[in-house]
Amino acid sequence: MGESVLLDPTAELQPVIRERLAPPSAIEGLTVALLDIGKARGNVFLDRLSENLTRHGVKTERYAKPTNTKVAPTDLSQTIAERCDLVVEALSD
């Protein structure tokens, strides 16, 4: 057998290396973006998550990608970054 080669699925020729942000110590007072990426039943997961977060006093905002086959449009990502502190993406099948 030959040597294995791992490929970067992002197709970036020179990927940007970003330092991982430290998670917040608490989410009270923060705004959480709930991003539906368009997979089946992802919205059900986000509905339940929104209910639970709201019950605990956390503000949520809902967003959706126009299609699950492509990355989120830049303007959507920028809106989320400007308005929210954290993001949860729904991935379900």
PDB file of N, CA and C in Angstrom:
ATOM      1  N   MET A   1       0.828  -1.182   0.000  1.00  0.00           N
ATOM      2  CA  MET A   1       0.000   0.000   0.000  1.00  0.00           C
ATOM      3  C   MET A   1       0.873   1.245   0.000  1.00  0.00           C
ATOM      4  N   GLY A   2       0.391   2.271  -0.679  1.00  0.00           N
ATOM      5  CA  GLY A   2       1.123   3.525  -0.752  1.00  0.00           C
ATOM      6  C   GLY A   2       0.840   4.415   0.445  1.00  0.00           C
ATOM      7  N   GLU A   3       1.488   5.541   0.444  1.00  0.00           N
ATOM      8  CA  GLU A   3       1.317   6.520   1.513  1.00  0.00           C
ATOM      9  C   GLU A   3      -0.039   7.211   1.382  1.00  0.00           C
ATOM     10  N   SER A   4      -0.738   7.455   2.499  1.00  0.00           N
ATOM     11  CA  SER A   4      -2.018   8.150   2.497  1.00  0.00           C
ATOM     12  C   SER A   4      -1.804   9.651   2.437  1.00  0.00           C
ATOM     13  N   VAL A   5      -2.681  10.317   1.715  1.00  0.00           N
ATOM     14  CA  VAL A   5      -2.638  11.767   1.617  1.00  0.00           C
ATOM     15  C   VAL A   5      -3.988  12.295   2.085  1.00  0.00           C
ATOM     16  N   LEU A   6      -3.972  13.219   3.037  1.00  0.00           N
ATOM     17  CA  LEU A   6      -5.199  13.839   3.507  1.00  0.00           C
ATOM     18  C   LEU A   6      -5.429  15.129   2.729  1.00  0.00           C
ATOM     19  N   LEU A   7      -6.659  15.319   2.275  1.00  0.00           N
ATOM     20  CA  LEU A   7      -6.997  16.504   1.504  1.00  0.00           C
ATOM     21  C   LEU A   7      -7.872  17.429   2.332  1.00  0.00           C
ATOM     22  N   ASP A   8      -7.655  18.718   2.180  1.00  0.00           N
ATOM     23  CA  ASP A   8      -8.455  19.729   2.860  1.00  0.00           C
ATOM     24  C   ASP A   8      -9.750  19.917   2.071  1.00  0.00           C
ATOM     25  N   PRO A   9     -10.915  19.613   2.690  1.00  0.00           N
ATOM     26  CA  PRO A   9     -12.178  19.715   1.940  1.00  0.00           C
ATOM     27  C   PRO A   9     -12.601  21.142   1.626  1.00  0.00           C
ATOM     28  N   THR A  10     -11.910  22.143   2.168  1.00  0.00           N
ATOM     29  CA  THR A  10     -12.302  23.532   1.917  1.00  0.00           C
ATOM     30  C   THR A  10     -11.799  24.039   0.584  1.00  0.00           C
ATOM     31  N   ALA A  11     -10.921  23.339  -0.062  1.00  0.00           N
ATOM     32  CA  ALA A  11     -10.342  23.715  -1.348  1.00  0.00           C
ATOM     33  C   ALA A  11      -9.527  25.003  -1.263  1.00  0.00           C
ATOM     34  N   GLU A  12      -9.097  25.360  -0.068  1.00  0.00           N
ATOM     35  CA  GLU A  12      -8.246  26.534   0.084  1.00  0.00           C
ATOM     36  C   GLU A  12      -6.817  26.140  -0.268  1.00  0.00           C
ATOM     37  N   LEU A  13      -6.199  26.918  -1.127  1.00  0.00           N
ATOM     38  CA  LEU A  13      -4.821  26.623  -1.497  1.00  0.00           C
ATOM     39  C   LEU A  13      -3.859  26.997  -0.380  1.00  0.00           C
ATOM     40  N   GLN A  14      -4.164  28.068   0.329  1.00  0.00           N
ATOM     41  CA  GLN A  14      -3.369  28.475   1.479  1.00  0.00           C
ATOM     42  C   GLN A  14      -4.327  28.791   2.620  1.00  0.00           C
ATOM     43  N   PRO A  15      -4.770  27.769   3.375  1.00  0.00           N
ATOM     44  CA  PRO A  15      -5.761  28.000   4.426  1.00  0.00           C
ATOM     45  C   PRO A  15      -5.231  28.956   5.494  1.00  0.00           C
ATOM     46  N   VAL A  16      -6.143  29.781   5.977  1.00  0.00           N
ATOM     47  CA  VAL A  16      -5.802  30.713   7.043  1.00  0.00           C
ATOM     48  C   VAL A  16      -5.822  29.951   8.359  1.00  0.00           C
ATOM     49  N   ILE A  17      -4.741  30.066   9.102  1.00  0.00           N
ATOM     50  CA  ILE A  17      -4.686  29.424  10.410  1.00  0.00           C
ATOM     51  C   ILE A  17      -5.184  30.441  11.436  1.00  0.00           C
ATOM     52  N   ARG A  18      -6.277  30.095  12.094  1.00  0.00           N
ATOM     53  CA  ARG A  18      -6.850  30.991  13.092  1.00  0.00           C
ATOM     54  C   ARG A  18      -6.678  30.387  14.475  1.00  0.00           C
ATOM     55  N   GLU A  19      -6.332  31.230  15.417  1.00  0.00           N
ATOM     56  CA  GLU A  19      -6.217  30.769  16.792  1.00  0.00           C
ATOM     57  C   GLU A  19      -7.619  30.547  17.348  1.00  0.00           C
ATOM     58  N   ARG A  20      -7.800  29.470  18.074  1.00  0.00           N
ATOM     59  CA  ARG A  20      -9.109  29.157  18.640  1.00  0.00           C
ATOM     60  C   ARG A  20      -9.459  30.166  19.722  1.00  0.00           C
ATOM     61  N   LEU A  21     -10.692  30.674  19.665  1.00  0.00           N
ATOM     62  CA  LEU A  21     -11.166  31.592  20.687  1.00  0.00           C
ATOM     63  C   LEU A  21     -11.516  30.815  21.947  1.00  0.00           C
ATOM     64  N   ALA A  22     -11.248  31.414  23.077  1.00  0.00           N
ATOM     65  CA  ALA A  22     -11.618  30.778  24.344  1.00  0.00           C
ATOM     66  C   ALA A  22     -13.134  30.820  24.483  1.00  0.00           C
ATOM     67  N   PRO A  23     -13.747  29.733  24.919  1.00  0.00           N
ATOM     68  CA  PRO A  23     -15.201  29.750  25.103  1.00  0.00           C
ATOM     69  C   PRO A  23     -15.566  30.667  26.273  1.00  0.00           C
ATOM     70  N   PRO A  24     -16.765  31.244  26.244  1.00  0.00           N
ATOM     71  CA  PRO A  24     -17.168  32.107  27.360  1.00  0.00           C
ATOM     72  C   PRO A  24     -17.362  31.280  28.629  1.00  0.00           C
ATOM     73  N   SER A  25     -17.151  31.907  29.759  1.00  0.00           N
ATOM     74  CA  SER A  25     -17.337  31.190  31.030  1.00  0.00           C
ATOM     75  C   SER A  25     -18.823  30.991  31.331  1.00  0.00           C
ATOM     76  N   ALA A  26     -19.676  31.836  30.752  1.00  0.00           N
ATOM     77  CA  ALA A  26     -21.131  31.722  30.917  1.00  0.00           C
ATOM     78  C   ALA A  26     -21.785  32.317  29.674  1.00  0.00           C
ATOM     79  N   ILE A  27     -23.028  31.917  29.415  1.00  0.00           N
ATOM     80  CA  ILE A  27     -23.706  32.455  28.232  1.00  0.00           C
ATOM     81  C   ILE A  27     -24.820  33.432  28.596  1.00  0.00           C
ATOM     82  N   GLU A  28     -25.062  33.624  29.879  1.00  0.00           N
ATOM     83  CA  GLU A  28     -26.065  34.599  30.294  1.00  0.00           C
ATOM     84  C   GLU A  28     -25.662  35.974  29.771  1.00  0.00           C
ATOM     85  N   GLY A  29     -26.620  36.671  29.190  1.00  0.00           N
ATOM     86  CA  GLY A  29     -26.367  38.001  28.664  1.00  0.00           C
ATOM     87  C   GLY A  29     -25.801  38.023  27.249  1.00  0.00           C
ATOM     88  N   LEU A  30     -25.495  36.851  26.702  1.00  0.00           N
ATOM     89  CA  LEU A  30     -24.978  36.775  25.339  1.00  0.00           C
ATOM     90  C   LEU A  30     -26.120  36.476  24.368  1.00  0.00           C
ATOM     91  N   THR A  31     -25.873  36.715  23.102  1.00  0.00           N
ATOM     92  CA  THR A  31     -26.841  36.386  22.058  1.00  0.00           C
ATOM     93  C   THR A  31     -26.288  35.209  21.264  1.00  0.00           C
ATOM     94  N   VAL A  32     -27.109  34.171  21.126  1.00  0.00           N
ATOM     95  CA  VAL A  32     -26.705  32.957  20.427  1.00  0.00           C
ATOM     96  C   VAL A  32     -27.421  32.885  19.081  1.00  0.00           C
ATOM     97  N   ALA A  33     -26.658  32.793  18.005  1.00  0.00           N
ATOM     98  CA  ALA A  33     -27.225  32.587  16.675  1.00  0.00           C
ATOM     99  C   ALA A  33     -27.501  31.109  16.487  1.00  0.00           C
ATOM    100  N   LEU A  34     -28.687  30.786  16.034  1.00  0.00           N
ATOM    101  CA  LEU A  34     -29.052  29.403  15.718  1.00  0.00           C
ATOM    102  C   LEU A  34     -29.165  29.323  14.205  1.00  0.00           C
ATOM    103  N   LEU A  35     -28.200  28.654  13.586  1.00  0.00           N
ATOM    104  CA  LEU A  35     -28.089  28.623  12.129  1.00  0.00           C
ATOM    105  C   LEU A  35     -28.581  27.297  11.576  1.00  0.00           C
ATOM    106  N   ASP A  36     -29.658  27.354  10.834  1.00  0.00           N
ATOM    107  CA  ASP A  36     -30.207  26.178  10.158  1.00  0.00           C
ATOM    108  C   ASP A  36     -29.492  26.055   8.815  1.00  0.00           C
ATOM    109  N   ILE A  37     -28.762  24.954   8.618  1.00  0.00           N
ATOM    110  CA  ILE A  37     -28.010  24.794   7.378  1.00  0.00           C
ATOM    111  C   ILE A  37     -28.818  24.067   6.300  1.00  0.00           C
ATOM    112  N   GLY A  38     -30.082  23.779   6.602  1.00  0.00           N
ATOM    113  CA  GLY A  38     -30.961  23.215   5.579  1.00  0.00           C
ATOM    114  C   GLY A  38     -31.018  21.702   5.528  1.00  0.00           C
ATOM    115  N   LYS A  39     -30.442  21.024   6.501  1.00  0.00           N
ATOM    116  CA  LYS A  39     -30.530  19.569   6.540  1.00  0.00           C
ATOM    117  C   LYS A  39     -31.852  19.163   7.197  1.00  0.00           C
ATOM    118  N   ALA A  40     -32.333  17.982   6.862  1.00  0.00           N
ATOM    119  CA  ALA A  40     -33.607  17.495   7.384  1.00  0.00           C
ATOM    120  C   ALA A  40     -33.611  17.473   8.910  1.00  0.00           C
ATOM    121  N   ARG A  41     -34.646  18.014   9.497  1.00  0.00           N
ATOM    122  CA  ARG A  41     -34.924  18.048  10.934  1.00  0.00           C
ATOM    123  C   ARG A  41     -33.958  18.914  11.747  1.00  0.00           C
ATOM    124  N   GLY A  42     -33.079  19.630  11.080  1.00  0.00           N
ATOM    125  CA  GLY A  42     -32.208  20.563  11.796  1.00  0.00           C
ATOM    126  C   GLY A  42     -33.021  21.638  12.489  1.00  0.00           C
ATOM    127  N   ASN A  43     -34.121  22.053  11.843  1.00  0.00           N
ATOM    128  CA  ASN A  43     -34.979  23.076  12.441  1.00  0.00           C
ATOM    129  C   ASN A  43     -35.638  22.579  13.727  1.00  0.00           C
ATOM    130  N   VAL A  44     -35.940  21.299  13.806  1.00  0.00           N
ATOM    131  CA  VAL A  44     -36.536  20.723  15.020  1.00  0.00           C
ATOM    132  C   VAL A  44     -35.531  20.822  16.167  1.00  0.00           C
ATOM    133  N   PHE A  45     -34.290  20.476  15.893  1.00  0.00           N
ATOM    134  CA  PHE A  45     -33.235  20.597  16.895  1.00  0.00           C
ATOM    135  C   PHE A  45     -33.121  22.050  17.365  1.00  0.00           C
ATOM    136  N   LEU A  46     -33.104  22.995  16.422  1.00  0.00           N
ATOM    137  CA  LEU A  46     -32.957  24.403  16.784  1.00  0.00           C
ATOM    138  C   LEU A  46     -34.178  24.917  17.540  1.00  0.00           C
ATOM    139  N   ASP A  47     -35.371  24.432  17.216  1.00  0.00           N
ATOM    140  CA  ASP A  47     -36.567  24.819  17.970  1.00  0.00           C
ATOM    141  C   ASP A  47     -36.410  24.448  19.441  1.00  0.00           C
ATOM    142  N   ARG A  48     -36.001  23.221  19.705  1.00  0.00           N
ATOM    143  CA  ARG A  48     -35.839  22.751  21.098  1.00  0.00           C
ATOM    144  C   ARG A  48     -34.718  23.493  21.801  1.00  0.00           C
ATOM    145  N   LEU A  49     -33.633  23.717  21.088  1.00  0.00           N
ATOM    146  CA  LEU A  49     -32.513  24.440  21.680  1.00  0.00           C
ATOM    147  C   LEU A  49     -32.922  25.871  22.022  1.00  0.00           C
ATOM    148  N   SER A  50     -33.654  26.515  21.130  1.00  0.00           N
ATOM    149  CA  SER A  50     -34.122  27.868  21.377  1.00  0.00           C
ATOM    150  C   SER A  50     -35.014  27.919  22.617  1.00  0.00           C
ATOM    151  N   GLU A  51     -35.936  26.964  22.726  1.00  0.00           N
ATOM    152  CA  GLU A  51     -36.810  26.900  23.905  1.00  0.00           C
ATOM    153  C   GLU A  51     -35.999  26.791  25.189  1.00  0.00           C
ATOM    154  N   ASN A  52     -35.025  25.898  25.193  1.00  0.00           N
ATOM    155  CA  ASN A  52     -34.211  25.692  26.402  1.00  0.00           C
ATOM    156  C   ASN A  52     -33.358  26.912  26.725  1.00  0.00           C
ATOM    157  N   LEU A  53     -32.737  27.501  25.720  1.00  0.00           N
ATOM    158  CA  LEU A  53     -31.904  28.675  25.980  1.00  0.00           C
ATOM    159  C   LEU A  53     -32.749  29.846  26.471  1.00  0.00           C
ATOM    160  N   THR A  54     -33.901  30.060  25.839  1.00  0.00           N
ATOM    161  CA  THR A  54     -34.786  31.152  26.241  1.00  0.00           C
ATOM    162  C   THR A  54     -35.274  30.954  27.670  1.00  0.00           C
ATOM    163  N   ARG A  55     -35.589  29.729  28.010  1.00  0.00           N
ATOM    164  CA  ARG A  55     -36.029  29.410  29.372  1.00  0.00           C
ATOM    165  C   ARG A  55     -34.967  29.789  30.401  1.00  0.00           C
ATOM    166  N   HIS A  56     -33.711  29.752  29.990  1.00  0.00           N
ATOM    167  CA  HIS A  56     -32.604  30.094  30.890  1.00  0.00           C
ATOM    168  C   HIS A  56     -32.137  31.542  30.706  1.00  0.00           C
ATOM    169  N   GLY A  57     -32.941  32.338  30.029  1.00  0.00           N
ATOM    170  CA  GLY A  57     -32.653  33.760  29.906  1.00  0.00           C
ATOM    171  C   GLY A  57     -31.628  34.129  28.854  1.00  0.00           C
ATOM    172  N   VAL A  58     -31.374  33.233  27.907  1.00  0.00           N
ATOM    173  CA  VAL A  58     -30.404  33.511  26.850  1.00  0.00           C
ATOM    174  C   VAL A  58     -31.163  33.958  25.599  1.00  0.00           C
ATOM    175  N   LYS A  59     -30.732  35.053  25.007  1.00  0.00           N
ATOM    176  CA  LYS A  59     -31.361  35.565  23.790  1.00  0.00           C
ATOM    177  C   LYS A  59     -30.862  34.756  22.590  1.00  0.00           C
ATOM    178  N   THR A  60     -31.788  34.369  21.708  1.00  0.00           N
ATOM    179  CA  THR A  60     -31.404  33.649  20.491  1.00  0.00           C
ATOM    180  C   THR A  60     -31.928  34.393  19.269  1.00  0.00           C
ATOM    181  N   GLU A  61     -31.226  34.229  18.171  1.00  0.00           N
ATOM    182  CA  GLU A  61     -31.665  34.748  16.878  1.00  0.00           C
ATOM    183  C   GLU A  61     -31.536  33.613  15.873  1.00  0.00           C
ATOM    184  N   ARG A  62     -32.547  33.470  15.020  1.00  0.00           N
ATOM    185  CA  ARG A  62     -32.560  32.382  14.037  1.00  0.00           C
ATOM    186  C   ARG A  62     -32.072  32.881  12.685  1.00  0.00           C
ATOM    187  N   TYR A  63     -31.277  32.035  12.043  1.00  0.00           N
ATOM    188  CA  TYR A  63     -30.763  32.299  10.698  1.00  0.00           C
ATOM    189  C   TYR A  63     -30.837  31.006   9.910  1.00  0.00           C
ATOM    190  N   ALA A  64     -30.806  31.122   8.579  1.00  0.00           N
ATOM    191  CA  ALA A  64     -30.830  29.931   7.725  1.00  0.00           C
ATOM    192  C   ALA A  64     -29.991  30.174   6.480  1.00  0.00           C
ATOM    193  N   LYS A  65     -29.238  29.158   6.100  1.00  0.00           N
ATOM    194  CA  LYS A  65     -28.534  29.205   4.823  1.00  0.00           C
ATOM    195  C   LYS A  65     -29.554  28.999   3.707  1.00  0.00           C
ATOM    196  N   PRO A  66     -29.336  29.615   2.550  1.00  0.00           N
ATOM    197  CA  PRO A  66     -30.282  29.425   1.450  1.00  0.00           C
ATOM    198  C   PRO A  66     -30.282  27.999   0.905  1.00  0.00           C
ATOM    199  N   THR A  67     -29.179  27.287   1.056  1.00  0.00           N
ATOM    200  CA  THR A  67     -29.081  25.904   0.579  1.00  0.00           C
ATOM    201  C   THR A  67     -28.051  25.166   1.417  1.00  0.00           C
ATOM    202  N   ASN A  68     -28.259  23.862   1.576  1.00  0.00           N
ATOM    203  CA  ASN A  68     -27.291  23.086   2.362  1.00  0.00           C
ATOM    204  C   ASN A  68     -26.096  22.627   1.521  1.00  0.00           C
ATOM    205  N   THR A  69     -26.108  22.935   0.250  1.00  0.00           N
ATOM    206  CA  THR A  69     -25.042  22.443  -0.624  1.00  0.00           C
ATOM    207  C   THR A  69     -23.861  23.407  -0.750  1.00  0.00           C
ATOM    208  N   LYS A  70     -23.996  24.601  -0.199  1.00  0.00           N
ATOM    209  CA  LYS A  70     -22.925  25.592  -0.304  1.00  0.00           C
ATOM    210  C   LYS A  70     -22.669  26.222   1.057  1.00  0.00           C
ATOM    211  N   VAL A  71     -21.523  26.855   1.203  1.00  0.00           N
ATOM    212  CA  VAL A  71     -21.223  27.558   2.443  1.00  0.00           C
ATOM    213  C   VAL A  71     -22.171  28.746   2.582  1.00  0.00           C
ATOM    214  N   ALA A  72     -22.305  29.232   3.790  1.00  0.00           N
ATOM    215  CA  ALA A  72     -23.171  30.386   4.041  1.00  0.00           C
ATOM    216  C   ALA A  72     -22.645  31.597   3.281  1.00  0.00           C
ATOM    217  N   PRO A  73     -23.534  32.393   2.714  1.00  0.00           N
ATOM    218  CA  PRO A  73     -23.094  33.609   2.023  1.00  0.00           C
ATOM    219  C   PRO A  73     -22.354  34.543   2.983  1.00  0.00           C
ATOM    220  N   THR A  74     -21.408  35.276   2.449  1.00  0.00           N
ATOM    221  CA  THR A  74     -20.595  36.173   3.262  1.00  0.00           C
ATOM    222  C   THR A  74     -21.449  37.164   4.038  1.00  0.00           C
ATOM    223  N   ASP A  75     -22.478  37.726   3.403  1.00  0.00           N
ATOM    224  CA  ASP A  75     -23.299  38.709   4.108  1.00  0.00           C
ATOM    225  C   ASP A  75     -24.042  38.093   5.290  1.00  0.00           C
ATOM    226  N   LEU A  76     -24.451  36.836   5.182  1.00  0.00           N
ATOM    227  CA  LEU A  76     -25.093  36.146   6.301  1.00  0.00           C
ATOM    228  C   LEU A  76     -24.094  35.949   7.434  1.00  0.00           C
ATOM    229  N   SER A  77     -22.897  35.490   7.115  1.00  0.00           N
ATOM    230  CA  SER A  77     -21.859  35.299   8.129  1.00  0.00           C
ATOM    231  C   SER A  77     -21.511  36.613   8.820  1.00  0.00           C
ATOM    232  N   GLN A  78     -21.436  37.697   8.055  1.00  0.00           N
ATOM    233  CA  GLN A  78     -21.114  38.996   8.634  1.00  0.00           C
ATOM    234  C   GLN A  78     -22.232  39.490   9.551  1.00  0.00           C
ATOM    235  N   THR A  79     -23.472  39.292   9.144  1.00  0.00           N
ATOM    236  CA  THR A  79     -24.602  39.687   9.992  1.00  0.00           C
ATOM    237  C   THR A  79     -24.563  38.942  11.318  1.00  0.00           C
ATOM    238  N   ILE A  80     -24.340  37.644  11.255  1.00  0.00           N
ATOM    239  CA  ILE A  80     -24.268  36.846  12.477  1.00  0.00           C
ATOM    240  C   ILE A  80     -23.121  37.332  13.356  1.00  0.00           C
ATOM    241  N   ALA A  81     -21.967  37.576  12.770  1.00  0.00           N
ATOM    242  CA  ALA A  81     -20.801  38.027  13.539  1.00  0.00           C
ATOM    243  C   ALA A  81     -21.053  39.371  14.205  1.00  0.00           C
ATOM    244  N   GLU A  82     -21.780  40.256  13.536  1.00  0.00           N
ATOM    245  CA  GLU A  82     -22.063  41.583  14.089  1.00  0.00           C
ATOM    246  C   GLU A  82     -23.109  41.537  15.198  1.00  0.00           C
ATOM    247  N   ARG A  83     -24.097  40.651  15.075  1.00  0.00           N
ATOM    248  CA  ARG A  83     -25.245  40.659  15.984  1.00  0.00           C
ATOM    249  C   ARG A  83     -25.161  39.641  17.123  1.00  0.00           C
ATOM    250  N   CYS A  84     -24.324  38.619  16.976  1.00  0.00           N
ATOM    251  CA  CYS A  84     -24.350  37.511  17.940  1.00  0.00           C
ATOM    252  C   CYS A  84     -22.968  37.235  18.524  1.00  0.00           C
ATOM    253  N   ASP A  85     -22.996  36.601  19.690  1.00  0.00           N
ATOM    254  CA  ASP A  85     -21.753  36.263  20.390  1.00  0.00           C
ATOM    255  C   ASP A  85     -21.308  34.825  20.142  1.00  0.00           C
ATOM    256  N   LEU A  86     -22.273  33.948  19.945  1.00  0.00           N
ATOM    257  CA  LEU A  86     -22.011  32.514  19.737  1.00  0.00           C
ATOM    258  C   LEU A  86     -22.900  32.008  18.601  1.00  0.00           C
ATOM    259  N   VAL A  87     -22.498  30.882  17.994  1.00  0.00           N
ATOM    260  CA  VAL A  87     -23.284  30.281  16.912  1.00  0.00           C
ATOM    261  C   VAL A  87     -23.414  28.783  17.166  1.00  0.00           C
ATOM    262  N   VAL A  88     -24.644  28.284  16.959  1.00  0.00           N
ATOM    263  CA  VAL A  88     -24.882  26.846  16.932  1.00  0.00           C
ATOM    264  C   VAL A  88     -25.437  26.543  15.553  1.00  0.00           C
ATOM    265  N   GLU A  89     -24.789  25.611  14.840  1.00  0.00           N
ATOM    266  CA  GLU A  89     -25.261  25.191  13.529  1.00  0.00           C
ATOM    267  C   GLU A  89     -25.982  23.871  13.683  1.00  0.00           C
ATOM    268  N   ALA A  90     -27.160  23.769  13.080  1.00  0.00           N
ATOM    269  CA  ALA A  90     -27.930  22.527  13.149  1.00  0.00           C
ATOM    270  C   ALA A  90     -27.488  21.610  12.029  1.00  0.00           C
ATOM    271  N   LEU A  91     -27.098  20.414  12.401  1.00  0.00           N
ATOM    272  CA  LEU A  91     -26.742  19.395  11.420  1.00  0.00           C
ATOM    273  C   LEU A  91     -27.484  18.134  11.817  1.00  0.00           C
ATOM    274  N   SER A  92     -28.386  17.697  10.973  1.00  0.00           N
ATOM    275  CA  SER A  92     -29.193  16.543  11.305  1.00  0.00           C
ATOM    276  C   SER A  92     -29.591  15.826  10.021  1.00  0.00           C
ATOM    277  N   ASP A  93     -29.908  14.581  10.142  1.00  0.00           N
ATOM    278  CA  ASP A  93     -30.426  13.772   9.024  1.00  0.00           C
ATOM    279  C   ASP A  93     -31.360  12.727   9.549  1.00  0.00           C
TER     280      ASP A  93
END
